[in-house]
Amino acid sequence: MADEKEVEIIPANVGDIVEFNDMKGKVEKVNENSVIVDITINDDFDEHEMFEKTVVNHKRYKIISES
């Protein structure tokens, strides 16, 4: 069995801008395994029928701007 190394996941902080699923969001709350993000910052938010906030697992986003 090959040695599997765990990649350390550094969670975003409140106020950071993250990218996930071709969308951007501003982190409002950091949980143990996920963040709650406000996705109304997207230019095309009004064109989609979506809720204003969503939950994203730490493994599923990339930090693009730190607060």
PDB file of N, CA and C in Angstrom:
ATOM      1  N   MET A   1       0.843  -1.173   0.000  1.00  0.00           N
ATOM      2  CA  MET A   1       0.000   0.000   0.000  1.00  0.00           C
ATOM      3  C   MET A   1       0.890   1.240   0.000  1.00  0.00           C
ATOM      4  N   ALA A   2       0.610   2.164  -0.867  1.00  0.00           N
ATOM      5  CA  ALA A   2       1.401   3.393  -0.976  1.00  0.00           C
ATOM      6  C   ALA A   2       1.075   4.335   0.184  1.00  0.00           C
ATOM      7  N   ASP A   3       2.072   5.095   0.581  1.00  0.00           N
ATOM      8  CA  ASP A   3       1.853   6.086   1.633  1.00  0.00           C
ATOM      9  C   ASP A   3       1.000   7.214   1.084  1.00  0.00           C
ATOM     10  N   GLU A   4      -0.115   7.465   1.759  1.00  0.00           N
ATOM     11  CA  GLU A   4      -0.974   8.564   1.343  1.00  0.00           C
ATOM     12  C   GLU A   4      -0.744   9.729   2.297  1.00  0.00           C
ATOM     13  N   LYS A   5      -0.413  10.875   1.734  1.00  0.00           N
ATOM     14  CA  LYS A   5      -0.181  12.064   2.539  1.00  0.00           C
ATOM     15  C   LYS A   5      -1.439  12.914   2.523  1.00  0.00           C
ATOM     16  N   GLU A   6      -1.838  13.339   3.708  1.00  0.00           N
ATOM     17  CA  GLU A   6      -2.989  14.232   3.789  1.00  0.00           C
ATOM     18  C   GLU A   6      -2.560  15.641   3.439  1.00  0.00           C
ATOM     19  N   VAL A   7      -3.353  16.295   2.635  1.00  0.00           N
ATOM     20  CA  VAL A   7      -3.100  17.679   2.287  1.00  0.00           C
ATOM     21  C   VAL A   7      -3.770  18.542   3.337  1.00  0.00           C
ATOM     22  N   GLU A   8      -3.010  19.460   3.907  1.00  0.00           N
ATOM     23  CA  GLU A   8      -3.578  20.329   4.928  1.00  0.00           C
ATOM     24  C   GLU A   8      -4.479  21.370   4.272  1.00  0.00           C
ATOM     25  N   ILE A   9      -5.699  21.425   4.737  1.00  0.00           N
ATOM     26  CA  ILE A   9      -6.663  22.375   4.201  1.00  0.00           C
ATOM     27  C   ILE A   9      -6.675  23.602   5.106  1.00  0.00           C
ATOM     28  N   ILE A  10      -6.375  24.741   4.520  1.00  0.00           N
ATOM     29  CA  ILE A  10      -6.398  25.989   5.272  1.00  0.00           C
ATOM     30  C   ILE A  10      -7.733  26.673   4.984  1.00  0.00           C
ATOM     31  N   PRO A  11      -8.603  26.751   5.985  1.00  0.00           N
ATOM     32  CA  PRO A  11      -9.922  27.343   5.744  1.00  0.00           C
ATOM     33  C   PRO A  11      -9.840  28.849   5.512  1.00  0.00           C
ATOM     34  N   ALA A  12     -10.820  29.335   4.783  1.00  0.00           N
ATOM     35  CA  ALA A  12     -10.933  30.775   4.537  1.00  0.00           C
ATOM     36  C   ALA A  12     -11.340  31.472   5.832  1.00  0.00           C
ATOM     37  N   ASN A  13     -11.198  32.770   5.859  1.00  0.00           N
ATOM     38  CA  ASN A  13     -11.615  33.592   6.999  1.00  0.00           C
ATOM     39  C   ASN A  13     -12.821  34.433   6.615  1.00  0.00           C
ATOM     40  N   VAL A  14     -13.549  34.909   7.598  1.00  0.00           N
ATOM     41  CA  VAL A  14     -14.700  35.781   7.348  1.00  0.00           C
ATOM     42  C   VAL A  14     -14.233  36.997   6.551  1.00  0.00           C
ATOM     43  N   GLY A  15     -14.938  37.300   5.476  1.00  0.00           N
ATOM     44  CA  GLY A  15     -14.593  38.433   4.625  1.00  0.00           C
ATOM     45  C   GLY A  15     -13.806  38.059   3.387  1.00  0.00           C
ATOM     46  N   ASP A  16     -13.213  36.861   3.371  1.00  0.00           N
ATOM     47  CA  ASP A  16     -12.469  36.410   2.188  1.00  0.00           C
ATOM     48  C   ASP A  16     -13.430  36.171   1.026  1.00  0.00           C
ATOM     49  N   ILE A  17     -12.917  36.322  -0.190  1.00  0.00           N
ATOM     50  CA  ILE A  17     -13.691  35.988  -1.383  1.00  0.00           C
ATOM     51  C   ILE A  17     -13.184  34.639  -1.872  1.00  0.00           C
ATOM     52  N   VAL A  18     -14.110  33.702  -2.079  1.00  0.00           N
ATOM     53  CA  VAL A  18     -13.758  32.364  -2.527  1.00  0.00           C
ATOM     54  C   VAL A  18     -14.443  32.065  -3.857  1.00  0.00           C
ATOM     55  N   GLU A  19     -13.863  31.125  -4.582  1.00  0.00           N
ATOM     56  CA  GLU A  19     -14.419  30.711  -5.874  1.00  0.00           C
ATOM     57  C   GLU A  19     -14.745  29.231  -5.806  1.00  0.00           C
ATOM     58  N   PHE A  20     -15.915  28.858  -6.325  1.00  0.00           N
ATOM     59  CA  PHE A  20     -16.366  27.464  -6.335  1.00  0.00           C
ATOM     60  C   PHE A  20     -17.385  27.309  -7.450  1.00  0.00           C
ATOM     61  N   ASN A  21     -17.356  26.198  -8.147  1.00  0.00           N
ATOM     62  CA  ASN A  21     -18.336  25.924  -9.208  1.00  0.00           C
ATOM     63  C   ASN A  21     -18.541  27.116 -10.146  1.00  0.00           C
ATOM     64  N   ASP A  22     -17.481  27.768 -10.557  1.00  0.00           N
ATOM     65  CA  ASP A  22     -17.545  28.933 -11.450  1.00  0.00           C
ATOM     66  C   ASP A  22     -18.346  30.095 -10.857  1.00  0.00           C
ATOM     67  N   MET A  23     -18.404  30.172  -9.550  1.00  0.00           N
ATOM     68  CA  MET A  23     -19.082  31.266  -8.860  1.00  0.00           C
ATOM     69  C   MET A  23     -18.133  31.845  -7.821  1.00  0.00           C
ATOM     70  N   LYS A  24     -18.448  33.044  -7.367  1.00  0.00           N
ATOM     71  CA  LYS A  24     -17.684  33.678  -6.300  1.00  0.00           C
ATOM     72  C   LYS A  24     -18.616  33.954  -5.138  1.00  0.00           C
ATOM     73  N   GLY A  25     -18.048  34.017  -3.947  1.00  0.00           N
ATOM     74  CA  GLY A  25     -18.840  34.321  -2.771  1.00  0.00           C
ATOM     75  C   GLY A  25     -17.975  34.925  -1.679  1.00  0.00           C
ATOM     76  N   LYS A  26     -18.602  35.712  -0.822  1.00  0.00           N
ATOM     77  CA  LYS A  26     -17.917  36.331   0.306  1.00  0.00           C
ATOM     78  C   LYS A  26     -18.227  35.519   1.558  1.00  0.00           C
ATOM     79  N   VAL A  27     -17.172  35.072   2.241  1.00  0.00           N
ATOM     80  CA  VAL A  27     -17.338  34.222   3.416  1.00  0.00           C
ATOM     81  C   VAL A  27     -17.973  35.022   4.553  1.00  0.00           C
ATOM     82  N   GLU A  28     -19.074  34.486   5.087  1.00  0.00           N
ATOM     83  CA  GLU A  28     -19.760  35.132   6.204  1.00  0.00           C
ATOM     84  C   GLU A  28     -19.572  34.386   7.517  1.00  0.00           C
ATOM     85  N   LYS A  29     -19.357  33.069   7.441  1.00  0.00           N
ATOM     86  CA  LYS A  29     -19.161  32.273   8.654  1.00  0.00           C
ATOM     87  C   LYS A  29     -18.293  31.073   8.318  1.00  0.00           C
ATOM     88  N   VAL A  30     -17.392  30.741   9.225  1.00  0.00           N
ATOM     89  CA  VAL A  30     -16.516  29.586   9.047  1.00  0.00           C
ATOM     90  C   VAL A  30     -16.945  28.500  10.025  1.00  0.00           C
ATOM     91  N   ASN A  31     -17.270  27.331   9.496  1.00  0.00           N
ATOM     92  CA  ASN A  31     -17.634  26.172  10.310  1.00  0.00           C
ATOM     93  C   ASN A  31     -16.473  25.179  10.304  1.00  0.00           C
ATOM     94  N   GLU A  32     -16.623  24.074  11.014  1.00  0.00           N
ATOM     95  CA  GLU A  32     -15.545  23.094  11.111  1.00  0.00           C
ATOM     96  C   GLU A  32     -15.162  22.509   9.754  1.00  0.00           C
ATOM     97  N   ASN A  33     -16.147  22.173   8.934  1.00  0.00           N
ATOM     98  CA  ASN A  33     -15.879  21.529   7.644  1.00  0.00           C
ATOM     99  C   ASN A  33     -16.327  22.342   6.438  1.00  0.00           C
ATOM    100  N   SER A  34     -16.851  23.536   6.665  1.00  0.00           N
ATOM    101  CA  SER A  34     -17.406  24.308   5.561  1.00  0.00           C
ATOM    102  C   SER A  34     -17.442  25.790   5.896  1.00  0.00           C
ATOM    103  N   VAL A  35     -17.801  26.567   4.880  1.00  0.00           N
ATOM    104  CA  VAL A  35     -18.019  27.997   5.069  1.00  0.00           C
ATOM    105  C   VAL A  35     -19.397  28.354   4.522  1.00  0.00           C
ATOM    106  N   ILE A  36     -19.991  29.401   5.069  1.00  0.00           N
ATOM    107  CA  ILE A  36     -21.234  29.938   4.535  1.00  0.00           C
ATOM    108  C   ILE A  36     -20.860  31.186   3.761  1.00  0.00           C
ATOM    109  N   VAL A  37     -21.253  31.227   2.486  1.00  0.00           N
ATOM    110  CA  VAL A  37     -20.859  32.339   1.629  1.00  0.00           C
ATOM    111  C   VAL A  37     -22.068  33.070   1.068  1.00  0.00           C
ATOM    112  N   ASP A  38     -21.919  34.378   0.909  1.00  0.00           N
ATOM    113  CA  ASP A  38     -22.923  35.245   0.292  1.00  0.00           C
ATOM    114  C   ASP A  38     -22.582  35.313  -1.189  1.00  0.00           C
ATOM    115  N   ILE A  39     -23.463  34.817  -2.035  1.00  0.00           N
ATOM    116  CA  ILE A  39     -23.170  34.764  -3.467  1.00  0.00           C
ATOM    117  C   ILE A  39     -23.809  35.911  -4.251  1.00  0.00           C
ATOM    118  N   THR A  40     -24.364  36.897  -3.557  1.00  0.00           N
ATOM    119  CA  THR A  40     -24.975  38.034  -4.256  1.00  0.00           C
ATOM    120  C   THR A  40     -23.925  38.938  -4.890  1.00  0.00           C
ATOM    121  N   ILE A  41     -22.640  38.698  -4.624  1.00  0.00           N
ATOM    122  CA  ILE A  41     -21.586  39.527  -5.220  1.00  0.00           C
ATOM    123  C   ILE A  41     -21.359  39.194  -6.691  1.00  0.00           C
ATOM    124  N   ASN A  42     -21.931  38.092  -7.171  1.00  0.00           N
ATOM    125  CA  ASN A  42     -21.794  37.725  -8.579  1.00  0.00           C
ATOM    126  C   ASN A  42     -22.597  38.684  -9.445  1.00  0.00           C
ATOM    127  N   ASP A  43     -22.006  39.125 -10.549  1.00  0.00           N
ATOM    128  CA  ASP A  43     -22.672  40.068 -11.454  1.00  0.00           C
ATOM    129  C   ASP A  43     -23.983  39.511 -11.998  1.00  0.00           C
ATOM    130  N   ASP A  44     -24.036  38.201 -12.235  1.00  0.00           N
ATOM    131  CA  ASP A  44     -25.223  37.602 -12.840  1.00  0.00           C
ATOM    132  C   ASP A  44     -26.132  36.925 -11.810  1.00  0.00           C
ATOM    133  N   PHE A  45     -26.011  37.313 -10.551  1.00  0.00           N
ATOM    134  CA  PHE A  45     -26.817  36.677  -9.499  1.00  0.00           C
ATOM    135  C   PHE A  45     -28.310  36.789  -9.785  1.00  0.00           C
ATOM    136  N   ASP A  46     -28.774  37.946 -10.232  1.00  0.00           N
ATOM    137  CA  ASP A  46     -30.206  38.156 -10.476  1.00  0.00           C
ATOM    138  C   ASP A  46     -30.745  37.297 -11.609  1.00  0.00           C
ATOM    139  N   GLU A  47     -29.875  36.825 -12.491  1.00  0.00           N
ATOM    140  CA  GLU A  47     -30.313  36.016 -13.619  1.00  0.00           C
ATOM    141  C   GLU A  47     -30.607  34.571 -13.211  1.00  0.00           C
ATOM    142  N   HIS A  48     -30.082  34.166 -12.073  1.00  0.00           N
ATOM    143  CA  HIS A  48     -30.280  32.795 -11.599  1.00  0.00           C
ATOM    144  C   HIS A  48     -31.273  32.796 -10.452  1.00  0.00           C
ATOM    145  N   GLU A  49     -32.070  31.753 -10.392  1.00  0.00           N
ATOM    146  CA  GLU A  49     -33.003  31.615  -9.280  1.00  0.00           C
ATOM    147  C   GLU A  49     -32.294  30.833  -8.182  1.00  0.00           C
ATOM    148  N   MET A  50     -31.577  31.573  -7.322  1.00  0.00           N
ATOM    149  CA  MET A  50     -30.784  30.943  -6.280  1.00  0.00           C
ATOM    150  C   MET A  50     -31.014  31.670  -4.957  1.00  0.00           C
ATOM    151  N   PHE A  51     -30.683  30.994  -3.884  1.00  0.00           N
ATOM    152  CA  PHE A  51     -30.706  31.630  -2.577  1.00  0.00           C
ATOM    153  C   PHE A  51     -29.498  32.556  -2.470  1.00  0.00           C
ATOM    154  N   GLU A  52     -29.545  33.501  -1.547  1.00  0.00           N
ATOM    155  CA  GLU A  52     -28.466  34.480  -1.386  1.00  0.00           C
ATOM    156  C   GLU A  52     -27.220  33.881  -0.760  1.00  0.00           C
ATOM    157  N   LYS A  53     -27.377  32.823   0.009  1.00  0.00           N
ATOM    158  CA  LYS A  53     -26.246  32.202   0.701  1.00  0.00           C
ATOM    159  C   LYS A  53     -26.214  30.715   0.423  1.00  0.00           C
ATOM    160  N   THR A  54     -25.010  30.148   0.518  1.00  0.00           N
ATOM    161  CA  THR A  54     -24.864  28.712   0.342  1.00  0.00           C
ATOM    162  C   THR A  54     -23.716  28.210   1.198  1.00  0.00           C
ATOM    163  N   VAL A  55     -23.689  26.905   1.427  1.00  0.00           N
ATOM    164  CA  VAL A  55     -22.648  26.264   2.217  1.00  0.00           C
ATOM    165  C   VAL A  55     -21.685  25.563   1.265  1.00  0.00           C
ATOM    166  N   VAL A  56     -20.380  25.771   1.491  1.00  0.00           N
ATOM    167  CA  VAL A  56     -19.365  25.165   0.634  1.00  0.00           C
ATOM    168  C   VAL A  56     -18.336  24.462   1.516  1.00  0.00           C
ATOM    169  N   ASN A  57     -18.075  23.195   1.230  1.00  0.00           N
ATOM    170  CA  ASN A  57     -17.069  22.429   1.951  1.00  0.00           C
ATOM    171  C   ASN A  57     -15.689  23.019   1.725  1.00  0.00           C
ATOM    172  N   HIS A  58     -14.819  22.944   2.728  1.00  0.00           N
ATOM    173  CA  HIS A  58     -13.475  23.496   2.614  1.00  0.00           C
ATOM    174  C   HIS A  58     -12.700  22.903   1.435  1.00  0.00           C
ATOM    175  N   LYS A  59     -13.015  21.679   1.053  1.00  0.00           N
ATOM    176  CA  LYS A  59     -12.305  21.022  -0.057  1.00  0.00           C
ATOM    177  C   LYS A  59     -12.767  21.537  -1.416  1.00  0.00           C
ATOM    178  N   ARG A  60     -13.863  22.276  -1.462  1.00  0.00           N
ATOM    179  CA  ARG A  60     -14.507  22.616  -2.733  1.00  0.00           C
ATOM    180  C   ARG A  60     -14.317  24.061  -3.195  1.00  0.00           C
ATOM    181  N   TYR A  61     -13.556  24.863  -2.459  1.00  0.00           N
ATOM    182  CA  TYR A  61     -13.369  26.250  -2.883  1.00  0.00           C
ATOM    183  C   TYR A  61     -11.897  26.630  -2.909  1.00  0.00           C
ATOM    184  N   LYS A  62     -11.642  27.747  -3.571  1.00  0.00           N
ATOM    185  CA  LYS A  62     -10.296  28.312  -3.633  1.00  0.00           C
ATOM    186  C   LYS A  62     -10.399  29.762  -3.187  1.00  0.00           C
ATOM    187  N   ILE A  63      -9.505  30.191  -2.310  1.00  0.00           N
ATOM    188  CA  ILE A  63      -9.498  31.571  -1.834  1.00  0.00           C
ATOM    189  C   ILE A  63      -8.896  32.436  -2.937  1.00  0.00           C
ATOM    190  N   ILE A  64      -9.635  33.453  -3.396  1.00  0.00           N
ATOM    191  CA  ILE A  64      -9.096  34.323  -4.458  1.00  0.00           C
ATOM    192  C   ILE A  64      -8.761  35.709  -3.953  1.00  0.00           C
ATOM    193  N   SER A  65      -9.290  36.084  -2.790  1.00  0.00           N
ATOM    194  CA  SER A  65      -8.973  37.391  -2.204  1.00  0.00           C
ATOM    195  C   SER A  65      -9.162  37.299  -0.704  1.00  0.00           C
ATOM    196  N   GLU A  66      -8.115  37.650   0.029  1.00  0.00           N
ATOM    197  CA  GLU A  66      -8.203  37.602   1.486  1.00  0.00           C
ATOM    198  C   GLU A  66      -8.634  38.954   2.032  1.00  0.00           C
ATOM    199  N   SER A  67      -9.378  38.925   3.127  1.00  0.00           N
ATOM    200  CA  SER A  67      -9.860  40.166   3.731  1.00  0.00           C
ATOM    201  C   SER A  67      -8.768  40.859   4.521  1.00  0.00           C
TER     202      SER A  67
END
